[in-house]
Amino acid sequence: MQEKKYKLDLEVQYADTRLEKELTEAMLQRWVEVALLGPAELTIRLVDAEEGQTLNRTYRGKDYATNVLTFAYNEGEELGEDDATQADIILCTDVLLREAQEQNKTVEEHAAHLVVHGVLHAQGYDHEHDEEADEMEQFERDILEVLGYPDPYAD
């Protein structure tokens, strides 16, 4: 897998500041850049469980906090070579911390995976069907390997 640099406008918001020092803007930007397939305008927002649950309930009809939510604003549109993917990626700090512990991963490893997962969703990848899920998971593995992280799906 070869890295290619695309134009990136990234805003990072720490609504929940608990991981602000551990997950720096520079780290988040690096993870996003490696997962990009074209130009992008993205916001990554770290939130607590209350905000995460509210967003998931309001926009997905699911009344619980989840690890990552992606709001892709030009989903389904045919983007030209210079058109930017536009999305908000929400990471729920409480869920991220709990899952990292349960899965015996570092917070950094798990956060990198969730960011890559969210960026791929923003660019049209999905995992609703087995074939799509297999393709997306393999792409995640490849990207995380480039970033120096272990396979997130390994048992």
Protein backbone atom coordinates (compact mmCIF):
# COMPACT_ATOMS: atom_id res chain seq x y z
CA MET A 1 0.00 0.00 0.00
CA GLN A 2 1.47 3.30 -1.09
CA GLU A 3 0.72 6.54 0.71
CA LYS A 4 -0.53 9.46 -1.34
CA LYS A 5 -1.09 12.92 0.10
CA TYR A 6 -4.45 14.52 -0.53
CA LYS A 7 -5.65 17.96 0.49
CA LEU A 8 -7.03 17.72 4.00
CA ASP A 9 -8.90 20.32 6.03
CA LEU A 10 -9.15 18.74 9.49
CA GLU A 11 -10.71 20.23 12.60
CA VAL A 12 -10.29 18.40 15.90
CA GLN A 13 -12.70 19.13 18.76
CA TYR A 14 -12.16 17.83 22.27
CA ALA A 15 -15.65 18.22 23.78
CA ASP A 16 -14.46 15.54 26.21
CA THR A 17 -10.87 16.52 27.09
CA ARG A 18 -9.80 13.31 28.87
CA LEU A 19 -7.74 12.05 25.91
CA GLU A 20 -6.58 15.42 24.55
CA LYS A 21 -2.94 14.83 25.55
CA GLU A 22 -2.93 11.14 24.62
CA LEU A 23 -4.61 11.52 21.22
CA THR A 24 -2.99 14.63 19.78
CA GLU A 25 -4.15 16.51 16.72
CA ALA A 26 -0.94 15.46 14.95
CA MET A 27 -1.69 11.77 15.58
CA LEU A 28 -5.28 12.11 14.44
CA GLN A 29 -4.18 13.94 11.30
CA ARG A 30 -1.65 11.22 10.44
CA TRP A 31 -4.25 8.49 10.82
CA VAL A 32 -6.70 10.38 8.62
CA GLU A 33 -4.10 11.16 5.95
CA VAL A 34 -3.14 7.50 5.49
CA ALA A 35 -6.80 6.49 5.13
CA LEU A 36 -7.70 9.16 2.56
CA LEU A 37 -8.61 8.22 -0.99
CA GLY A 38 -9.06 11.84 -2.09
CA PRO A 39 -9.35 15.37 -0.71
CA ALA A 40 -11.38 15.79 2.49
CA GLU A 41 -12.89 18.31 4.87
CA LEU A 42 -13.35 16.49 8.15
CA THR A 43 -14.07 17.18 11.79
CA ILE A 44 -13.11 14.68 14.47
CA ARG A 45 -14.95 15.32 17.73
CA LEU A 46 -14.25 13.43 20.96
CA VAL A 47 -17.35 13.30 23.16
CA ASP A 48 -18.50 11.76 26.43
CA ALA A 49 -21.13 9.01 26.67
CA GLU A 50 -24.01 11.45 27.16
CA GLU A 51 -23.31 13.37 23.93
CA GLY A 52 -22.52 10.15 22.07
CA GLN A 53 -25.82 8.60 23.15
CA THR A 54 -27.76 11.74 22.22
CA LEU A 55 -26.22 11.83 18.73
CA ASN A 56 -26.77 8.10 18.16
CA ARG A 57 -30.40 8.33 19.36
CA THR A 58 -31.17 11.51 17.38
CA TYR A 59 -29.59 10.51 14.06
CA ARG A 60 -29.65 6.70 14.08
CA GLY A 61 -32.57 5.90 16.38
CA LYS A 62 -30.31 3.84 18.67
CA ASP A 63 -30.42 4.85 22.34
CA TYR A 64 -26.86 4.07 23.45
CA ALA A 65 -23.39 5.52 23.06
CA THR A 66 -21.33 3.81 20.36
CA ASN A 67 -17.58 3.93 19.71
CA VAL A 68 -17.61 5.88 16.44
CA LEU A 69 -20.27 7.70 14.43
CA THR A 70 -19.64 9.03 10.94
CA PHE A 71 -21.82 11.71 9.42
CA ALA A 72 -20.90 11.79 5.72
CA TYR A 73 -22.41 14.90 4.16
CA ASN A 74 -21.82 14.06 0.50
CA GLU A 75 -22.55 10.36 0.81
CA GLY A 76 -23.85 8.85 -2.40
CA GLU A 77 -22.69 11.78 -4.53
CA GLU A 78 -20.27 11.23 -7.37
CA LEU A 79 -17.22 13.25 -6.35
CA GLY A 80 -14.85 14.63 -8.93
CA GLU A 81 -11.09 14.33 -8.52
CA ASP A 82 -10.90 17.70 -6.74
CA ASP A 83 -14.15 17.41 -4.74
CA ALA A 84 -13.65 16.93 -1.02
CA THR A 85 -15.31 14.28 1.10
CA GLN A 86 -17.13 16.16 3.87
CA ALA A 87 -17.87 14.44 7.18
CA ASP A 88 -17.93 14.61 10.94
CA ILE A 89 -16.43 11.68 12.81
CA ILE A 90 -17.50 11.36 16.42
CA LEU A 91 -15.44 9.27 18.87
CA CYS A 92 -17.03 8.46 22.20
CA THR A 93 -14.26 8.55 24.79
CA ASP A 94 -16.13 6.40 27.34
CA VAL A 95 -16.77 3.60 24.85
CA LEU A 96 -13.28 3.87 23.36
CA LEU A 97 -11.67 3.51 26.82
CA ARG A 98 -13.92 0.60 27.83
CA GLU A 99 -13.43 -1.30 24.56
CA ALA A 100 -9.67 -0.82 24.59
CA GLN A 101 -9.52 -2.36 28.06
CA GLU A 102 -11.91 -5.21 27.17
CA GLN A 103 -9.95 -6.00 23.98
CA ASN A 104 -6.52 -5.70 25.65
CA LYS A 105 -5.50 -2.91 23.29
CA THR A 106 -3.88 0.40 24.00
CA VAL A 107 -6.12 3.44 23.75
CA GLU A 108 -3.91 4.66 20.89
CA GLU A 109 -4.30 1.40 18.91
CA HIS A 110 -8.05 1.34 19.35
CA ALA A 111 -8.45 5.05 18.57
CA ALA A 112 -6.36 4.69 15.40
CA HIS A 113 -8.63 1.85 14.27
CA LEU A 114 -11.81 3.82 15.00
CA VAL A 115 -10.51 6.90 13.15
CA VAL A 116 -9.53 4.82 10.11
CA HIS A 117 -12.93 3.07 10.26
CA GLY A 118 -14.73 6.42 10.41
CA VAL A 119 -12.70 7.91 7.55
CA LEU A 120 -13.47 4.90 5.35
CA HIS A 121 -17.19 5.27 6.14
CA ALA A 122 -16.94 8.97 5.20
CA GLN A 123 -15.58 7.90 1.82
CA GLY A 124 -18.38 5.45 1.09
CA TYR A 125 -17.13 2.19 2.58
CA ASP A 126 -19.70 0.15 4.47
CA HIS A 127 -20.04 -3.19 6.25
CA GLU A 128 -23.74 -3.96 5.93
CA HIS A 129 -23.12 -7.08 3.81
CA ASP A 130 -20.47 -9.76 4.36
CA GLU A 131 -18.59 -9.00 1.13
CA GLU A 132 -18.46 -5.27 1.91
CA ALA A 133 -17.44 -5.99 5.49
CA ASP A 134 -14.59 -8.26 4.36
CA GLU A 135 -13.32 -5.62 1.92
CA MET A 136 -13.55 -2.81 4.48
CA GLU A 137 -11.88 -4.87 7.23
CA GLN A 138 -9.00 -5.83 4.94
CA PHE A 139 -8.52 -2.19 3.95
CA GLU A 140 -8.48 -1.24 7.64
CA ARG A 141 -5.85 -3.91 8.33
CA ASP A 142 -3.70 -2.63 5.45
CA ILE A 143 -3.93 1.00 6.60
CA LEU A 144 -3.20 0.15 10.22
CA GLU A 145 -0.19 -1.92 9.14
CA VAL A 146 1.18 1.12 7.26
CA LEU A 147 0.67 3.12 10.47
CA GLY A 148 2.54 0.47 12.49
CA TYR A 149 -0.45 -0.89 14.45
CA PRO A 150 -1.45 -4.54 14.84
CA ASP A 151 -4.41 -6.19 13.11
CA PRO A 152 -7.48 -4.88 14.98
CA TYR A 153 -9.45 -8.01 14.14
CA ALA A 154 -6.86 -10.55 15.34
CA ASP A 155 -7.99 -12.68 18.28
